[in-house]
Amino acid sequence: MANTITLRRRIKSIKNTRQITKAMELVSASKMRRAQQKAYSSRDYRDAANRLLAKLGQIPEVEREPLFEKRAVKNRLYVVITSNSGLAGAYNANVLKMLGQSVKEDQKAGVTSQVITIGNKGAQFVRRIKDVELAAAYSAFGNDPTANDIRPILNTIMDNFSEKNVDEVRVLYTKFVSQLTQTAESQTLLPARAPDDADVSKTISNFEPDVETVVENTVERLIEAQLWQALLESLASEHSMRMVAMRNATDNAGDLIDDYTLELNTARQSKITQELAEISGGVEALK
């Protein structure tokens, strides 16, 4: 049985850790509310962009546009959104596991994989994967990202696809469903197309001045909307998962404190009982 001094030190150390995890939980909860509001408020815009992409995809002339061109995939580019730090449960692990599985499938199919990472955790992971090129690495954009933050990434993927350096571009991110549920998602950005679940009805449309001009000036904005939403969803998921992880850590620290306190009280009681027995024995010996 550990002595009382050691137990007191353990209890004090765990109490200090519990204060830290509790503070981190409160900070994450505050950040999560703001990030969640941003993610929810921009979903309507993302959905409208998806519907417009679906309508454009129904027009025969659009298939000749470079960003809509479908070709055999020999080179695939991934945009992976992670965080700079850990202590967020399985937030980084879920996305990186999906990336690892996708890369294995590419290697079996003879497809070359390139990766652009957002967040230091993603860059550290990709550097350890054999035969995968880390095309670019960006640090996480903080709690208040702007559209200008993703502009270099958007320009890179558009240029590479238009110049046929890559045949497909996917973004891997974490979708925010609720405070307790977040899922890793893979979405195709290029060739430009709407997600399979996009709600769209066939319509007859007129374009002024012509289809090519409309597509050239709108598709980039629509792709930007999808990438921007993926970033906001990931940010809300990160803060939510960190809040839950810190709450669990705080609860576990409380349980440990209770266990060690019980053990400390038992050790103290044993010591007192032993001292009383020794005193009683000494009194009996003097009689």
Protein backbone atom coordinates (compact mmCIF):
# COMPACT_ATOMS: atom_id res chain seq x y z
CA MET A 1 0.00 0.00 0.00
CA ALA A 2 1.37 3.43 -0.92
CA ASN A 3 2.28 5.70 1.96
CA THR A 4 0.22 8.77 2.80
CA ILE A 5 2.79 11.26 1.46
CA THR A 6 2.79 9.64 -1.98
CA LEU A 7 -1.01 9.53 -2.05
CA ARG A 8 -1.30 13.20 -1.11
CA ARG A 9 1.11 14.13 -3.92
CA ARG A 10 -0.90 12.10 -6.44
CA ILE A 11 -4.16 13.71 -5.35
CA LYS A 12 -2.67 17.20 -5.61
CA SER A 13 -1.25 16.48 -9.07
CA ILE A 14 -4.56 15.11 -10.36
CA LYS A 15 -6.46 18.10 -8.96
CA ASN A 16 -4.13 20.44 -10.86
CA THR A 17 -4.69 18.42 -14.04
CA ARG A 18 -8.45 18.53 -13.50
CA GLN A 19 -8.36 22.32 -13.29
CA ILE A 20 -6.54 22.46 -16.64
CA THR A 21 -8.93 20.05 -18.40
CA LYS A 22 -11.94 21.89 -16.99
CA ALA A 23 -10.62 25.21 -18.29
CA MET A 24 -9.94 23.67 -21.71
CA GLU A 25 -13.47 22.26 -21.76
CA LEU A 26 -14.98 25.69 -21.12
CA VAL A 27 -12.80 27.37 -23.74
CA SER A 28 -13.68 24.71 -26.34
CA ALA A 29 -17.39 25.04 -25.54
CA SER A 30 -17.22 28.77 -26.17
CA LYS A 31 -15.33 28.34 -29.44
CA MET A 32 -17.64 25.53 -30.53
CA ARG A 33 -20.75 27.71 -30.25
CA ARG A 34 -19.26 30.35 -32.55
CA ALA A 35 -17.90 27.78 -35.01
CA GLN A 36 -21.20 25.88 -35.01
CA GLN A 37 -23.12 29.06 -35.80
CA LYS A 38 -20.82 29.82 -38.75
CA ALA A 39 -21.13 26.28 -40.11
CA TYR A 40 -24.92 26.30 -39.89
CA SER A 41 -25.32 29.77 -41.37
CA SER A 42 -23.28 28.95 -44.49
CA ARG A 43 -24.89 25.59 -45.27
CA ASP A 44 -27.73 27.23 -47.24
CA TYR A 45 -25.17 28.95 -49.46
CA ARG A 46 -23.31 25.67 -49.95
CA ASP A 47 -26.55 23.87 -50.82
CA ALA A 48 -27.46 26.57 -53.33
CA ALA A 49 -24.01 26.20 -54.90
CA ASN A 50 -24.53 22.43 -55.16
CA ARG A 51 -27.90 22.89 -56.86
CA LEU A 52 -26.39 25.32 -59.35
CA LEU A 53 -23.53 22.91 -60.09
CA ALA A 54 -26.06 20.15 -60.68
CA LYS A 55 -28.00 22.33 -63.12
CA LEU A 56 -24.84 23.29 -64.97
CA GLY A 57 -23.83 19.63 -65.14
CA GLN A 58 -27.01 18.83 -67.09
CA ILE A 59 -26.04 21.13 -69.95
CA PRO A 60 -24.24 19.26 -72.78
CA GLU A 61 -21.99 22.21 -73.64
CA VAL A 62 -20.57 22.27 -70.13
CA GLU A 63 -18.87 18.89 -70.55
CA ARG A 64 -16.32 20.57 -72.80
CA GLU A 65 -15.29 23.02 -70.06
CA PRO A 66 -11.89 22.19 -68.46
CA LEU A 67 -13.22 22.10 -64.88
CA PHE A 68 -16.02 19.70 -65.80
CA GLU A 69 -13.85 17.36 -67.86
CA LYS A 70 -13.99 13.77 -66.68
CA ARG A 71 -10.95 11.70 -67.52
CA ALA A 72 -9.28 8.49 -66.38
CA VAL A 73 -7.76 9.02 -62.93
CA LYS A 74 -4.01 8.54 -62.96
CA ASN A 75 -3.12 11.31 -60.50
CA ARG A 76 -5.32 12.22 -57.54
CA LEU A 77 -4.93 15.22 -55.23
CA TYR A 78 -6.29 15.23 -51.68
CA VAL A 79 -6.97 18.29 -49.55
CA VAL A 80 -6.90 17.07 -45.93
CA ILE A 81 -8.21 19.27 -43.09
CA THR A 82 -6.80 18.54 -39.61
CA SER A 83 -5.70 20.60 -36.60
CA ASN A 84 -2.42 21.92 -35.27
CA SER A 85 -2.77 20.22 -31.88
CA GLY A 86 -4.18 17.08 -30.35
CA LEU A 87 -6.38 16.54 -27.26
CA ALA A 88 -9.44 16.46 -29.52
CA GLY A 89 -10.45 12.81 -29.29
CA ALA A 90 -10.50 11.06 -32.67
CA TYR A 91 -10.82 14.28 -34.69
CA ASN A 92 -7.50 13.94 -36.52
CA ALA A 93 -7.39 10.13 -36.41
CA ASN A 94 -10.68 9.67 -38.30
CA VAL A 95 -9.67 11.85 -41.25
CA LEU A 96 -6.13 10.49 -41.41
CA LYS A 97 -7.43 6.92 -41.30
CA MET A 98 -9.64 7.73 -44.29
CA LEU A 99 -6.65 9.22 -46.09
CA GLY A 100 -4.55 6.14 -45.39
CA GLN A 101 -7.24 3.84 -46.78
CA SER A 102 -7.69 6.00 -49.88
CA VAL A 103 -3.95 6.06 -50.55
CA LYS A 104 -3.78 2.26 -50.27
CA GLU A 105 -6.59 1.94 -52.81
CA ASP A 106 -4.77 4.35 -55.13
CA GLN A 107 -1.55 2.37 -54.89
CA LYS A 108 -3.36 -0.87 -55.72
CA ALA A 109 -4.97 0.82 -58.74
CA GLY A 110 -1.69 2.38 -59.88
CA VAL A 111 -2.86 5.93 -59.13
CA THR A 112 -0.36 8.53 -57.95
CA SER A 113 -1.42 10.38 -54.79
CA GLN A 114 -0.63 13.97 -53.84
CA VAL A 115 -1.76 15.70 -50.65
CA ILE A 116 -2.31 19.29 -49.54
CA THR A 117 -2.69 19.47 -45.77
CA ILE A 118 -4.35 22.08 -43.59
CA GLY A 119 -3.11 21.60 -40.03
CA ASN A 120 0.21 20.34 -38.71
CA LYS A 121 -1.13 16.92 -37.70
CA GLY A 122 -1.95 16.10 -41.31
CA ALA A 123 1.48 17.17 -42.55
CA GLN A 124 3.23 15.04 -39.92
CA PHE A 125 1.18 12.02 -40.98
CA VAL A 126 1.72 12.43 -44.73
CA ARG A 127 5.49 12.75 -44.33
CA ARG A 128 5.53 9.20 -42.95
CA ILE A 129 3.61 7.68 -45.88
CA LYS A 130 5.74 6.07 -48.56
CA ASP A 131 5.34 7.15 -52.21
CA VAL A 132 2.93 9.99 -51.39
CA GLU A 133 3.88 13.54 -52.35
CA LEU A 134 3.15 16.33 -49.88
CA ALA A 135 2.33 19.05 -52.41
CA ALA A 136 1.79 21.80 -49.82
CA ALA A 137 1.34 22.14 -46.07
CA TYR A 138 -0.64 24.93 -44.41
CA SER A 139 -0.98 25.59 -40.72
CA ALA A 140 -4.54 25.57 -39.37
CA PHE A 141 -6.26 28.90 -40.01
CA GLY A 142 -7.34 29.55 -36.42
CA ASN A 143 -10.78 30.19 -35.01
CA ASP A 144 -11.77 32.96 -37.44
CA PRO A 145 -10.69 31.92 -40.94
CA THR A 146 -11.44 34.11 -43.93
CA ALA A 147 -12.05 33.36 -47.59
CA ASN A 148 -8.60 34.78 -48.37
CA ASP A 149 -7.03 32.00 -46.29
CA ILE A 150 -8.18 29.31 -48.70
CA ARG A 151 -7.50 31.34 -51.85
CA PRO A 152 -3.93 29.93 -52.36
CA ILE A 153 -5.27 26.37 -51.96
CA LEU A 154 -8.12 27.04 -54.38
CA ASN A 155 -5.79 28.51 -56.99
CA THR A 156 -3.43 25.54 -56.66
CA ILE A 157 -6.06 22.87 -57.19
CA MET A 158 -7.74 24.77 -60.05
CA ASP A 159 -4.46 25.29 -61.88
CA ASN A 160 -3.31 21.69 -61.40
CA PHE A 161 -6.60 20.30 -62.67
CA SER A 162 -6.84 22.69 -65.63
CA GLU A 163 -3.26 21.89 -66.65
CA LYS A 164 -4.02 18.14 -66.27
CA ASN A 165 -1.37 17.61 -63.61
CA VAL A 166 -4.07 15.86 -61.58
CA ASP A 167 -7.22 14.11 -62.77
CA GLU A 168 -9.31 14.39 -59.62
CA VAL A 169 -9.35 16.52 -56.45
CA ARG A 170 -10.95 15.38 -53.21
CA VAL A 171 -11.33 17.14 -49.86
CA LEU A 172 -11.26 15.05 -46.66
CA TYR A 173 -12.84 16.75 -43.67
CA THR A 174 -14.97 16.16 -40.57
CA LYS A 175 -18.67 16.95 -40.90
CA PHE A 176 -20.38 18.46 -37.86
CA VAL A 177 -23.66 16.62 -37.19
CA SER A 178 -24.18 17.43 -33.51
CA GLN A 179 -22.16 18.04 -30.37
CA LEU A 180 -21.81 14.29 -29.91
CA THR A 181 -21.65 13.16 -33.54
CA GLN A 182 -19.06 14.08 -36.16
CA THR A 183 -18.23 12.03 -39.24
CA ALA A 184 -15.23 11.93 -41.57
CA GLU A 185 -16.29 12.77 -45.12
CA SER A 186 -14.72 12.60 -48.58
CA GLN A 187 -16.05 14.98 -51.25
CA THR A 188 -14.98 15.36 -54.86
CA LEU A 189 -14.20 18.98 -55.77
CA LEU A 190 -12.91 18.45 -59.31
CA PRO A 191 -14.08 17.56 -61.88
CA ALA A 192 -16.82 19.98 -60.88
CA ARG A 193 -20.06 18.25 -59.97
CA ALA A 194 -22.72 18.39 -57.30
CA PRO A 195 -22.84 15.76 -54.53
CA ASP A 196 -25.02 12.74 -55.25
CA ASP A 197 -27.65 13.87 -52.72
CA ALA A 198 -28.04 17.37 -54.20
CA ASP A 199 -31.69 18.26 -54.75
CA VAL A 200 -32.15 19.50 -58.30
CA SER A 201 -34.84 19.31 -60.96
CA LYS A 202 -34.27 19.48 -64.69
CA THR A 203 -34.96 22.94 -66.06
CA ILE A 204 -34.51 24.76 -69.34
CA SER A 205 -32.17 27.74 -68.86
CA ASN A 206 -30.94 30.57 -71.01
CA PHE A 207 -27.46 31.97 -70.49
CA GLU A 208 -26.27 35.46 -71.29
CA PRO A 209 -23.96 36.15 -72.99
CA ASP A 210 -23.17 32.42 -73.43
CA VAL A 211 -22.63 29.19 -71.49
CA GLU A 212 -18.83 29.37 -71.59
CA THR A 213 -18.69 32.84 -70.04
CA VAL A 214 -21.14 31.92 -67.30
CA VAL A 215 -19.31 28.71 -66.43
CA GLU A 216 -15.90 30.37 -66.41
CA ASN A 217 -17.03 33.07 -63.99
CA THR A 218 -19.19 30.98 -61.65
CA VAL A 219 -17.71 27.51 -61.25
CA GLU A 220 -14.65 28.73 -59.36
CA ARG A 221 -16.92 30.47 -56.84
CA LEU A 222 -19.01 27.32 -56.45
CA ILE A 223 -15.94 25.17 -55.81
CA GLU A 224 -14.77 27.76 -53.30
CA ALA A 225 -18.11 27.47 -51.48
CA GLN A 226 -17.67 23.71 -51.10
CA LEU A 227 -14.10 24.02 -49.80
CA TRP A 228 -15.06 26.86 -47.45
CA GLN A 229 -17.93 24.85 -45.98
CA ALA A 230 -15.65 21.86 -45.43
CA LEU A 231 -13.30 24.10 -43.45
CA LEU A 232 -16.12 25.49 -41.27
CA GLU A 233 -17.55 22.02 -40.63
CA SER A 234 -14.11 20.77 -39.58
CA LEU A 235 -13.57 23.70 -37.24
CA ALA A 236 -16.90 23.14 -35.48
CA SER A 237 -16.14 19.42 -35.20
CA GLU A 238 -12.68 20.03 -33.75
CA HIS A 239 -13.95 22.25 -30.93
CA SER A 240 -16.86 19.91 -30.21
CA MET A 241 -14.65 16.82 -30.00
CA ARG A 242 -12.08 18.64 -27.86
CA MET A 243 -14.83 19.78 -25.50
CA VAL A 244 -16.11 16.22 -25.09
CA ALA A 245 -12.57 14.85 -24.65
CA MET A 246 -11.76 17.40 -21.95
CA ARG A 247 -15.08 16.73 -20.20
CA ASN A 248 -14.28 13.00 -20.10
CA ALA A 249 -10.78 13.76 -18.82
CA THR A 250 -12.22 15.97 -16.06
CA ASP A 251 -14.68 13.25 -15.03
CA ASN A 252 -11.91 10.63 -15.01
CA ALA A 253 -9.74 12.89 -12.88
CA GLY A 254 -12.59 13.21 -10.37
CA ASP A 255 -12.94 9.43 -10.22
CA LEU A 256 -9.19 9.04 -9.61
CA ILE A 257 -9.29 11.63 -6.86
CA ASP A 258 -12.12 9.75 -5.15
CA ASP A 259 -10.23 6.44 -5.41
CA TYR A 260 -6.97 7.88 -4.07
CA THR A 261 -8.80 9.74 -1.29
CA LEU A 262 -10.41 6.48 -0.19
CA GLU A 263 -7.02 4.77 -0.30
CA LEU A 264 -5.48 7.65 1.69
CA ASN A 265 -8.17 7.43 4.35
CA THR A 266 -7.70 3.67 4.55
CA ALA A 267 -3.95 4.08 4.96
CA ARG A 268 -4.40 6.72 7.66
CA GLN A 269 -6.92 4.56 9.51
CA SER A 270 -4.56 1.59 9.35
CA LYS A 271 -1.73 3.70 10.72
CA ILE A 272 -3.91 5.00 13.57
CA THR A 273 -5.11 1.49 14.39
CA GLN A 274 -1.53 0.25 14.45
CA GLU A 275 -0.45 3.07 16.79
CA LEU A 276 -3.38 2.38 19.15
CA ALA A 277 -2.46 -1.30 19.19
CA GLU A 278 1.14 -0.47 20.04
CA ILE A 279 0.07 1.87 22.85
CA SER A 280 -2.32 -0.74 24.26
CA GLY A 281 0.43 -3.35 24.11
CA GLY A 282 2.83 -1.06 25.93
CA VAL A 283 0.30 -0.36 28.69
CA GLU A 284 -0.35 -4.06 29.17
CA ALA A 285 3.39 -4.70 29.37
CA LEU A 286 3.80 -2.16 32.17
CA LYS A 287 1.11 -3.75 34.32
